[in-house]
PDB file of N, CA and C in Angstrom:
ATOM      1  N   UNK A   1     -57.788 -46.990  -5.356  1.00  0.00           N
ATOM      2  CA  UNK A   1     -57.822 -47.322  -3.937  1.00  0.00           C
ATOM      3  C   UNK A   1     -59.227 -47.071  -3.409  1.00  0.00           C
ATOM      4  N   UNK A   2     -59.729 -48.006  -2.653  1.00  0.00           N
ATOM      5  CA  UNK A   2     -61.036 -47.805  -2.026  1.00  0.00           C
ATOM      6  C   UNK A   2     -60.868 -47.867  -0.515  1.00  0.00           C
ATOM      7  N   UNK A   3     -61.769 -47.216   0.164  1.00  0.00           N
ATOM      8  CA  UNK A   3     -61.715 -47.165   1.622  1.00  0.00           C
ATOM      9  C   UNK A   3     -63.146 -47.321   2.138  1.00  0.00           C
ATOM     10  N   UNK A   4     -63.296 -48.063   3.204  1.00  0.00           N
ATOM     11  CA  UNK A   4     -64.640 -48.282   3.739  1.00  0.00           C
ATOM     12  C   UNK A   4     -65.135 -47.031   4.461  1.00  0.00           C
ATOM     13  N   UNK A   5     -66.440 -46.931   4.569  1.00  0.00           N
ATOM     14  CA  UNK A   5     -67.046 -45.762   5.190  1.00  0.00           C
ATOM     15  C   UNK A   5     -66.630 -45.611   6.647  1.00  0.00           C
ATOM     16  N   UNK A   6     -66.559 -46.716   7.382  1.00  0.00           N
ATOM     17  CA  UNK A   6     -66.194 -46.596   8.798  1.00  0.00           C
ATOM     18  C   UNK A   6     -64.751 -46.130   8.977  1.00  0.00           C
ATOM     19  N   UNK A   7     -63.855 -46.519   8.080  1.00  0.00           N
ATOM     20  CA  UNK A   7     -62.471 -46.035   8.143  1.00  0.00           C
ATOM     21  C   UNK A   7     -62.429 -44.543   7.818  1.00  0.00           C
ATOM     22  N   UNK A   8     -63.160 -44.139   6.794  1.00  0.00           N
ATOM     23  CA  UNK A   8     -63.191 -42.727   6.402  1.00  0.00           C
ATOM     24  C   UNK A   8     -63.744 -41.855   7.524  1.00  0.00           C
ATOM     25  N   UNK A   9     -64.829 -42.290   8.162  1.00  0.00           N
ATOM     26  CA  UNK A   9     -65.387 -41.494   9.254  1.00  0.00           C
ATOM     27  C   UNK A   9     -64.430 -41.461  10.446  1.00  0.00           C
ATOM     28  N   UNK A  10     -63.680 -42.524  10.639  1.00  0.00           N
ATOM     29  CA  UNK A  10     -62.670 -42.527  11.698  1.00  0.00           C
ATOM     30  C   UNK A  10     -61.598 -41.481  11.465  1.00  0.00           C
ATOM     31  N   UNK A  11     -61.146 -41.351  10.224  1.00  0.00           N
ATOM     32  CA  UNK A  11     -60.153 -40.324   9.886  1.00  0.00           C
ATOM     33  C   UNK A  11     -60.710 -38.921  10.116  1.00  0.00           C
ATOM     34  N   UNK A  12     -61.957 -38.720   9.733  1.00  0.00           N
ATOM     35  CA  UNK A  12     -62.591 -37.413   9.942  1.00  0.00           C
ATOM     36  C   UNK A  12     -62.715 -37.132  11.435  1.00  0.00           C
ATOM     37  N   UNK A  13     -63.134 -38.121  12.213  1.00  0.00           N
ATOM     38  CA  UNK A  13     -63.254 -37.954  13.662  1.00  0.00           C
ATOM     39  C   UNK A  13     -61.925 -37.554  14.288  1.00  0.00           C
ATOM     40  N   UNK A  14     -60.857 -38.219  13.904  1.00  0.00           N
ATOM     41  CA  UNK A  14     -59.532 -37.916  14.453  1.00  0.00           C
ATOM     42  C   UNK A  14     -59.128 -36.493  14.107  1.00  0.00           C
ATOM     43  N   UNK A  15     -59.362 -36.090  12.876  1.00  0.00           N
ATOM     44  CA  UNK A  15     -59.016 -34.730  12.460  1.00  0.00           C
ATOM     45  C   UNK A  15     -59.808 -33.697  13.257  1.00  0.00           C
ATOM     46  N   UNK A  16     -61.096 -33.947  13.428  1.00  0.00           N
ATOM     47  CA  UNK A  16     -61.940 -33.019  14.189  1.00  0.00           C
ATOM     48  C   UNK A  16     -61.485 -32.948  15.643  1.00  0.00           C
ATOM     49  N   UNK A  17     -61.204 -34.096  16.247  1.00  0.00           N
ATOM     50  CA  UNK A  17     -60.738 -34.110  17.639  1.00  0.00           C
ATOM     51  C   UNK A  17     -59.442 -33.335  17.803  1.00  0.00           C
ATOM     52  N   UNK A  18     -58.508 -33.521  16.888  1.00  0.00           N
ATOM     53  CA  UNK A  18     -57.240 -32.802  16.972  1.00  0.00           C
ATOM     54  C   UNK A  18     -57.444 -31.298  16.901  1.00  0.00           C
ATOM     55  N   UNK A  19     -58.308 -30.853  16.012  1.00  0.00           N
ATOM     56  CA  UNK A  19     -58.589 -29.418  15.894  1.00  0.00           C
ATOM     57  C   UNK A  19     -59.259 -28.894  17.159  1.00  0.00           C
ATOM     58  N   UNK A  20     -60.276 -29.602  17.637  1.00  0.00           N
ATOM     59  CA  UNK A  20     -60.988 -29.155  18.834  1.00  0.00           C
ATOM     60  C   UNK A  20     -60.076 -29.102  20.050  1.00  0.00           C
ATOM     61  N   UNK A  21     -59.263 -30.108  20.223  1.00  0.00           N
ATOM     62  CA  UNK A  21     -58.383 -30.140  21.399  1.00  0.00           C
ATOM     63  C   UNK A  21     -57.268 -29.106  21.307  1.00  0.00           C
ATOM     64  N   UNK A  22     -56.861 -28.762  20.097  1.00  0.00           N
ATOM     65  CA  UNK A  22     -55.868 -27.701  19.920  1.00  0.00           C
ATOM     66  C   UNK A  22     -56.492 -26.345  20.255  1.00  0.00           C
ATOM     67  N   UNK A  23     -57.717 -26.131  19.819  1.00  0.00           N
ATOM     68  CA  UNK A  23     -58.404 -24.858  20.049  1.00  0.00           C
ATOM     69  C   UNK A  23     -58.914 -24.716  21.480  1.00  0.00           C
ATOM     70  N   UNK A  24     -59.281 -25.832  22.095  1.00  0.00           N
ATOM     71  CA  UNK A  24     -59.867 -25.825  23.433  1.00  0.00           C
ATOM     72  C   UNK A  24     -59.129 -26.829  24.317  1.00  0.00           C
ATOM     73  N   UNK A  25     -57.983 -26.442  24.890  1.00  0.00           N
ATOM     74  CA  UNK A  25     -57.163 -27.371  25.680  1.00  0.00           C
ATOM     75  C   UNK A  25     -57.903 -28.017  26.851  1.00  0.00           C
ATOM     76  N   UNK A  26     -58.933 -27.371  27.355  1.00  0.00           N
ATOM     77  CA  UNK A  26     -59.684 -27.952  28.475  1.00  0.00           C
ATOM     78  C   UNK A  26     -60.367 -29.259  28.084  1.00  0.00           C
ATOM     79  N   UNK A  27     -60.541 -29.481  26.804  1.00  0.00           N
ATOM     80  CA  UNK A  27     -61.146 -30.731  26.340  1.00  0.00           C
ATOM     81  C   UNK A  27     -60.223 -31.930  26.545  1.00  0.00           C
ATOM     82  N   UNK A  28     -58.938 -31.671  26.756  1.00  0.00           N
ATOM     83  CA  UNK A  28     -57.992 -32.764  27.001  1.00  0.00           C
ATOM     84  C   UNK A  28     -58.321 -33.518  28.285  1.00  0.00           C
ATOM     85  N   UNK A  29     -59.039 -32.873  29.190  1.00  0.00           N
ATOM     86  CA  UNK A  29     -59.401 -33.507  30.459  1.00  0.00           C
ATOM     87  C   UNK A  29     -60.520 -34.534  30.299  1.00  0.00           C
ATOM     88  N   UNK A  30     -61.262 -34.432  29.217  1.00  0.00           N
ATOM     89  CA  UNK A  30     -62.384 -35.346  28.989  1.00  0.00           C
ATOM     90  C   UNK A  30     -61.894 -36.661  28.400  1.00  0.00           C
ATOM     91  N   UNK A  31     -62.498 -37.771  28.804  1.00  0.00           N
ATOM     92  CA  UNK A  31     -62.062 -39.068  28.279  1.00  0.00           C
ATOM     93  C   UNK A  31     -62.408 -39.262  26.805  1.00  0.00           C
ATOM     94  N   UNK A  32     -63.535 -38.705  26.368  1.00  0.00           N
ATOM     95  CA  UNK A  32     -63.951 -38.894  24.978  1.00  0.00           C
ATOM     96  C   UNK A  32     -64.919 -37.790  24.589  1.00  0.00           C
ATOM     97  N   UNK A  33     -64.857 -37.395  23.333  1.00  0.00           N
ATOM     98  CA  UNK A  33     -65.777 -36.377  22.832  1.00  0.00           C
ATOM     99  C   UNK A  33     -66.779 -36.936  21.837  1.00  0.00           C
ATOM    100  N   UNK A  34     -66.424 -38.015  21.179  1.00  0.00           N
ATOM    101  CA  UNK A  34     -67.262 -38.567  20.118  1.00  0.00           C
ATOM    102  C   UNK A  34     -67.700 -39.985  20.447  1.00  0.00           C
ATOM    103  N   UNK A  35     -68.806 -40.391  19.866  1.00  0.00           N
ATOM    104  CA  UNK A  35     -69.241 -41.777  19.994  1.00  0.00           C
ATOM    105  C   UNK A  35     -68.665 -42.577  18.834  1.00  0.00           C
ATOM    106  N   UNK A  36     -68.796 -43.870  18.899  1.00  0.00           N
ATOM    107  CA  UNK A  36     -68.302 -44.734  17.831  1.00  0.00           C
ATOM    108  C   UNK A  36     -69.374 -45.017  16.786  1.00  0.00           C
ATOM    109  N   UNK A  37     -70.472 -44.286  16.847  1.00  0.00           N
ATOM    110  CA  UNK A  37     -71.549 -44.533  15.887  1.00  0.00           C
ATOM    111  C   UNK A  37     -71.583 -43.448  14.819  1.00  0.00           C
ATOM    112  N   UNK A  38     -72.142 -43.802  13.710  1.00  0.00           N
ATOM    113  CA  UNK A  38     -72.387 -42.834  12.649  1.00  0.00           C
ATOM    114  C   UNK A  38     -73.634 -43.265  11.911  1.00  0.00           C
ATOM    115  N   UNK A  39     -74.204 -42.349  11.186  1.00  0.00           N
ATOM    116  CA  UNK A  39     -75.474 -42.617  10.500  1.00  0.00           C
ATOM    117  C   UNK A  39     -75.313 -42.268   9.031  1.00  0.00           C
ATOM    118  N   UNK A  40     -75.684 -43.195   8.175  1.00  0.00           N
ATOM    119  CA  UNK A  40     -75.622 -42.975   6.735  1.00  0.00           C
ATOM    120  C   UNK A  40     -77.044 -42.990   6.207  1.00  0.00           C
ATOM    121  N   UNK A  41     -77.382 -41.975   5.439  1.00  0.00           N
ATOM    122  CA  UNK A  41     -78.728 -41.868   4.897  1.00  0.00           C
ATOM    123  C   UNK A  41     -78.648 -41.722   3.392  1.00  0.00           C
ATOM    124  N   UNK A  42     -79.321 -42.606   2.704  1.00  0.00           N
ATOM    125  CA  UNK A  42     -79.434 -42.478   1.255  1.00  0.00           C
ATOM    126  C   UNK A  42     -80.711 -41.697   0.988  1.00  0.00           C
ATOM    127  N   UNK A  43     -80.597 -40.645   0.246  1.00  0.00           N
ATOM    128  CA  UNK A  43     -81.742 -39.781  -0.012  1.00  0.00           C
ATOM    129  C   UNK A  43     -82.892 -40.590  -0.587  1.00  0.00           C
ATOM    130  N   UNK A  44     -84.046 -40.421   0.020  1.00  0.00           N
ATOM    131  CA  UNK A  44     -85.237 -41.103  -0.452  1.00  0.00           C
ATOM    132  C   UNK A  44     -85.497 -42.434   0.229  1.00  0.00           C
ATOM    133  N   UNK A  45     -84.537 -42.955   0.967  1.00  0.00           N
ATOM    134  CA  UNK A  45     -84.733 -44.265   1.575  1.00  0.00           C
ATOM    135  C   UNK A  45     -85.378 -44.196   2.954  1.00  0.00           C
ATOM    136  N   UNK A  46     -85.271 -43.055   3.623  1.00  0.00           N
ATOM    137  CA  UNK A  46     -85.803 -42.908   4.972  1.00  0.00           C
ATOM    138  C   UNK A  46     -86.497 -41.552   5.056  1.00  0.00           C
ATOM    139  N   UNK A  47     -87.600 -41.523   5.745  1.00  0.00           N
ATOM    140  CA  UNK A  47     -88.322 -40.256   5.882  1.00  0.00           C
ATOM    141  C   UNK A  47     -87.577 -39.315   6.821  1.00  0.00           C
ATOM    142  N   UNK A  48     -87.864 -38.054   6.683  1.00  0.00           N
ATOM    143  CA  UNK A  48     -87.275 -37.051   7.564  1.00  0.00           C
ATOM    144  C   UNK A  48     -87.639 -37.351   9.014  1.00  0.00           C
ATOM    145  N   UNK A  49     -88.864 -37.788   9.246  1.00  0.00           N
ATOM    146  CA  UNK A  49     -89.320 -38.095  10.601  1.00  0.00           C
ATOM    147  C   UNK A  49     -88.524 -39.254  11.206  1.00  0.00           C
ATOM    148  N   UNK A  50     -88.260 -40.276  10.412  1.00  0.00           N
ATOM    149  CA  UNK A  50     -87.476 -41.416  10.900  1.00  0.00           C
ATOM    150  C   UNK A  50     -86.057 -40.980  11.238  1.00  0.00           C
ATOM    151  N   UNK A  51     -85.486 -40.127  10.407  1.00  0.00           N
ATOM    152  CA  UNK A  51     -84.140 -39.612  10.656  1.00  0.00           C
ATOM    153  C   UNK A  51     -84.118 -38.798  11.947  1.00  0.00           C
ATOM    154  N   UNK A  52     -85.079 -37.914  12.125  1.00  0.00           N
ATOM    155  CA  UNK A  52     -85.137 -37.093  13.334  1.00  0.00           C
ATOM    156  C   UNK A  52     -85.334 -37.952  14.581  1.00  0.00           C
ATOM    157  N   UNK A  53     -86.142 -38.994  14.471  1.00  0.00           N
ATOM    158  CA  UNK A  53     -86.354 -39.912  15.598  1.00  0.00           C
ATOM    159  C   UNK A  53     -85.044 -40.607  15.971  1.00  0.00           C
ATOM    160  N   UNK A  54     -84.274 -41.021  14.979  1.00  0.00           N
ATOM    161  CA  UNK A  54     -82.986 -41.659  15.236  1.00  0.00           C
ATOM    162  C   UNK A  54     -82.048 -40.689  15.951  1.00  0.00           C
ATOM    163  N   UNK A  55     -81.962 -39.464  15.468  1.00  0.00           N
ATOM    164  CA  UNK A  55     -81.071 -38.463  16.077  1.00  0.00           C
ATOM    165  C   UNK A  55     -81.481 -38.207  17.524  1.00  0.00           C
ATOM    166  N   UNK A  56     -82.762 -38.056  17.783  1.00  0.00           N
ATOM    167  CA  UNK A  56     -83.236 -37.839  19.152  1.00  0.00           C
ATOM    168  C   UNK A  56     -82.870 -39.011  20.056  1.00  0.00           C
ATOM    169  N   UNK A  57     -82.986 -40.219  19.551  1.00  0.00           N
ATOM    170  CA  UNK A  57     -82.656 -41.410  20.338  1.00  0.00           C
ATOM    171  C   UNK A  57     -81.173 -41.461  20.678  1.00  0.00           C
ATOM    172  N   UNK A  58     -80.318 -40.888  19.832  1.00  0.00           N
ATOM    173  CA  UNK A  58     -78.879 -40.914  20.062  1.00  0.00           C
ATOM    174  C   UNK A  58     -78.442 -39.932  21.137  1.00  0.00           C
ATOM    175  N   UNK A  59     -79.251 -38.964  21.456  1.00  0.00           N
ATOM    176  CA  UNK A  59     -78.881 -37.958  22.452  1.00  0.00           C
ATOM    177  C   UNK A  59     -78.664 -38.554  23.833  1.00  0.00           C
ATOM    178  N   UNK A  60     -79.294 -39.670  24.130  1.00  0.00           N
ATOM    179  CA  UNK A  60     -79.132 -40.300  25.432  1.00  0.00           C
ATOM    180  C   UNK A  60     -77.977 -41.282  25.496  1.00  0.00           C
ATOM    181  N   UNK A  61     -77.293 -41.495  24.371  1.00  0.00           N
ATOM    182  CA  UNK A  61     -76.215 -42.493  24.311  1.00  0.00           C
ATOM    183  C   UNK A  61     -74.958 -41.926  24.897  1.00  0.00           C
TER     184      UNK A  61
END
């Protein structure tokens, strides 16, 4: 059986949200905790600086 990366990250996101909302009920008041984006990096394909620039750019999303 194979599963695509976006499906796998979706399952992880759901699991994390369930744990966080169970531990911190006040989070239930928020409409969303996670974005629909994810970043995949193959070692050696992108510099550390490029990765850090991408992460910084995502903070405003």
